[in-house]
Amino acid sequence: MKPADWFYDSVAFAVQKGLFSGTSDTTFSTNEPMTRAMLVTVL
C-alpha cells in the first residue's frame, strides 16, 4: 500500500481506530481476496 493509492487514507483511518488490522505487523494486503474468516471478523 502506498500513500498515492486511492484507498490509503481510509485504510490508515481504519487501522488507527482499531477497526481493522493488517495481515501482519507491517502489511495490509489490499489486493488479496477476503476469506470467510476475515469477513466474520469484520462483522
N, C-alpha and C. Protein backbone atom coordinates (compact mmCIF):
# COMPACT_ATOMS: atom_id res chain seq x y z
N MET A 1 0.85 -1.17 0.00
CA MET A 1 0.00 0.00 0.00
C MET A 1 0.90 1.23 0.00
N LYS A 2 0.59 2.17 -0.87
CA LYS A 2 1.37 3.40 -0.99
C LYS A 2 0.47 4.60 -0.71
N PRO A 3 1.02 5.68 -0.21
CA PRO A 3 0.21 6.88 0.05
C PRO A 3 -0.54 7.40 -1.18
N ALA A 4 -0.08 7.07 -2.37
CA ALA A 4 -0.77 7.51 -3.59
C ALA A 4 -2.00 6.67 -3.92
N ASP A 5 -2.16 5.50 -3.29
CA ASP A 5 -3.32 4.65 -3.55
C ASP A 5 -4.59 5.36 -3.11
N TRP A 6 -5.67 5.21 -3.88
CA TRP A 6 -6.91 5.94 -3.61
C TRP A 6 -7.51 5.58 -2.26
N PHE A 7 -7.23 4.39 -1.75
CA PHE A 7 -7.82 3.91 -0.51
C PHE A 7 -6.92 4.13 0.70
N TYR A 8 -5.75 4.70 0.51
CA TYR A 8 -4.76 4.82 1.58
C TYR A 8 -5.32 5.50 2.84
N ASP A 9 -5.94 6.65 2.69
CA ASP A 9 -6.46 7.39 3.85
C ASP A 9 -7.52 6.60 4.60
N SER A 10 -8.39 5.90 3.88
CA SER A 10 -9.44 5.11 4.53
C SER A 10 -8.85 3.94 5.30
N VAL A 11 -7.88 3.27 4.72
CA VAL A 11 -7.24 2.15 5.40
C VAL A 11 -6.48 2.64 6.63
N ALA A 12 -5.74 3.73 6.48
CA ALA A 12 -5.00 4.29 7.61
C ALA A 12 -5.95 4.66 8.76
N PHE A 13 -7.08 5.26 8.44
CA PHE A 13 -8.08 5.62 9.46
C PHE A 13 -8.59 4.38 10.18
N ALA A 14 -8.95 3.35 9.41
CA ALA A 14 -9.49 2.12 9.99
C ALA A 14 -8.47 1.44 10.90
N VAL A 15 -7.21 1.44 10.51
CA VAL A 15 -6.17 0.82 11.33
C VAL A 15 -5.93 1.64 12.59
N GLN A 16 -5.86 2.97 12.46
CA GLN A 16 -5.63 3.84 13.62
C GLN A 16 -6.73 3.70 14.66
N LYS A 17 -7.96 3.54 14.22
CA LYS A 17 -9.10 3.43 15.13
C LYS A 17 -9.30 2.01 15.66
N GLY A 18 -8.47 1.07 15.18
CA GLY A 18 -8.58 -0.30 15.64
C GLY A 18 -9.72 -1.08 15.00
N LEU A 19 -10.27 -0.58 13.90
CA LEU A 19 -11.38 -1.26 13.23
C LEU A 19 -10.89 -2.47 12.43
N PHE A 20 -9.68 -2.37 11.89
CA PHE A 20 -9.07 -3.44 11.13
C PHE A 20 -7.60 -3.53 11.52
N SER A 21 -7.03 -4.69 11.29
CA SER A 21 -5.59 -4.85 11.42
C SER A 21 -5.07 -5.43 10.12
N GLY A 22 -3.79 -5.35 9.91
CA GLY A 22 -3.21 -5.88 8.69
C GLY A 22 -3.06 -7.39 8.73
N THR A 23 -2.51 -7.93 7.66
CA THR A 23 -2.27 -9.37 7.61
C THR A 23 -0.99 -9.74 8.35
N SER A 24 -0.21 -8.73 8.73
CA SER A 24 0.94 -8.90 9.62
C SER A 24 1.17 -7.56 10.30
N ASP A 25 2.22 -7.44 11.07
CA ASP A 25 2.51 -6.17 11.74
C ASP A 25 2.90 -5.07 10.78
N THR A 26 3.37 -5.44 9.58
CA THR A 26 3.87 -4.43 8.64
C THR A 26 3.16 -4.43 7.29
N THR A 27 2.16 -5.27 7.10
CA THR A 27 1.48 -5.31 5.79
C THR A 27 -0.03 -5.27 5.94
N PHE A 28 -0.66 -4.72 4.93
CA PHE A 28 -2.11 -4.70 4.81
C PHE A 28 -2.39 -5.14 3.38
N SER A 29 -2.77 -6.36 3.17
CA SER A 29 -2.87 -6.96 1.84
C SER A 29 -4.15 -6.56 1.14
N THR A 30 -4.14 -5.38 0.56
CA THR A 30 -5.34 -4.82 -0.06
C THR A 30 -5.75 -5.52 -1.35
N ASN A 31 -4.82 -6.20 -2.00
CA ASN A 31 -5.15 -6.86 -3.27
C ASN A 31 -5.41 -8.35 -3.11
N GLU A 32 -5.44 -8.84 -1.90
CA GLU A 32 -5.71 -10.25 -1.64
C GLU A 32 -7.22 -10.45 -1.44
N PRO A 33 -7.74 -11.60 -1.84
CA PRO A 33 -9.17 -11.85 -1.61
C PRO A 33 -9.49 -11.99 -0.12
N MET A 34 -10.69 -11.61 0.23
CA MET A 34 -11.13 -11.73 1.62
C MET A 34 -11.67 -13.14 1.84
N THR A 35 -11.22 -13.78 2.91
CA THR A 35 -11.71 -15.12 3.23
C THR A 35 -12.98 -15.01 4.07
N ARG A 36 -13.66 -16.12 4.26
CA ARG A 36 -14.85 -16.12 5.10
C ARG A 36 -14.49 -15.73 6.53
N ALA A 37 -13.36 -16.20 7.01
CA ALA A 37 -12.93 -15.87 8.36
C ALA A 37 -12.69 -14.37 8.52
N MET A 38 -12.11 -13.76 7.50
CA MET A 38 -11.90 -12.30 7.55
C MET A 38 -13.24 -11.56 7.59
N LEU A 39 -14.18 -12.01 6.79
CA LEU A 39 -15.50 -11.38 6.76
C LEU A 39 -16.19 -11.51 8.10
N VAL A 40 -16.11 -12.67 8.72
CA VAL A 40 -16.72 -12.88 10.03
C VAL A 40 -16.10 -11.94 11.06
N THR A 41 -14.79 -11.77 11.00
CA THR A 41 -14.10 -10.86 11.90
C THR A 41 -14.58 -9.43 11.71
N VAL A 42 -14.77 -9.02 10.49
CA VAL A 42 -15.25 -7.66 10.20
C VAL A 42 -16.66 -7.47 10.74
N LEU A 43 -17.50 -8.45 10.55
CA LEU A 43 -18.88 -8.33 11.02
C LEU A 43 -18.95 -8.33 12.53
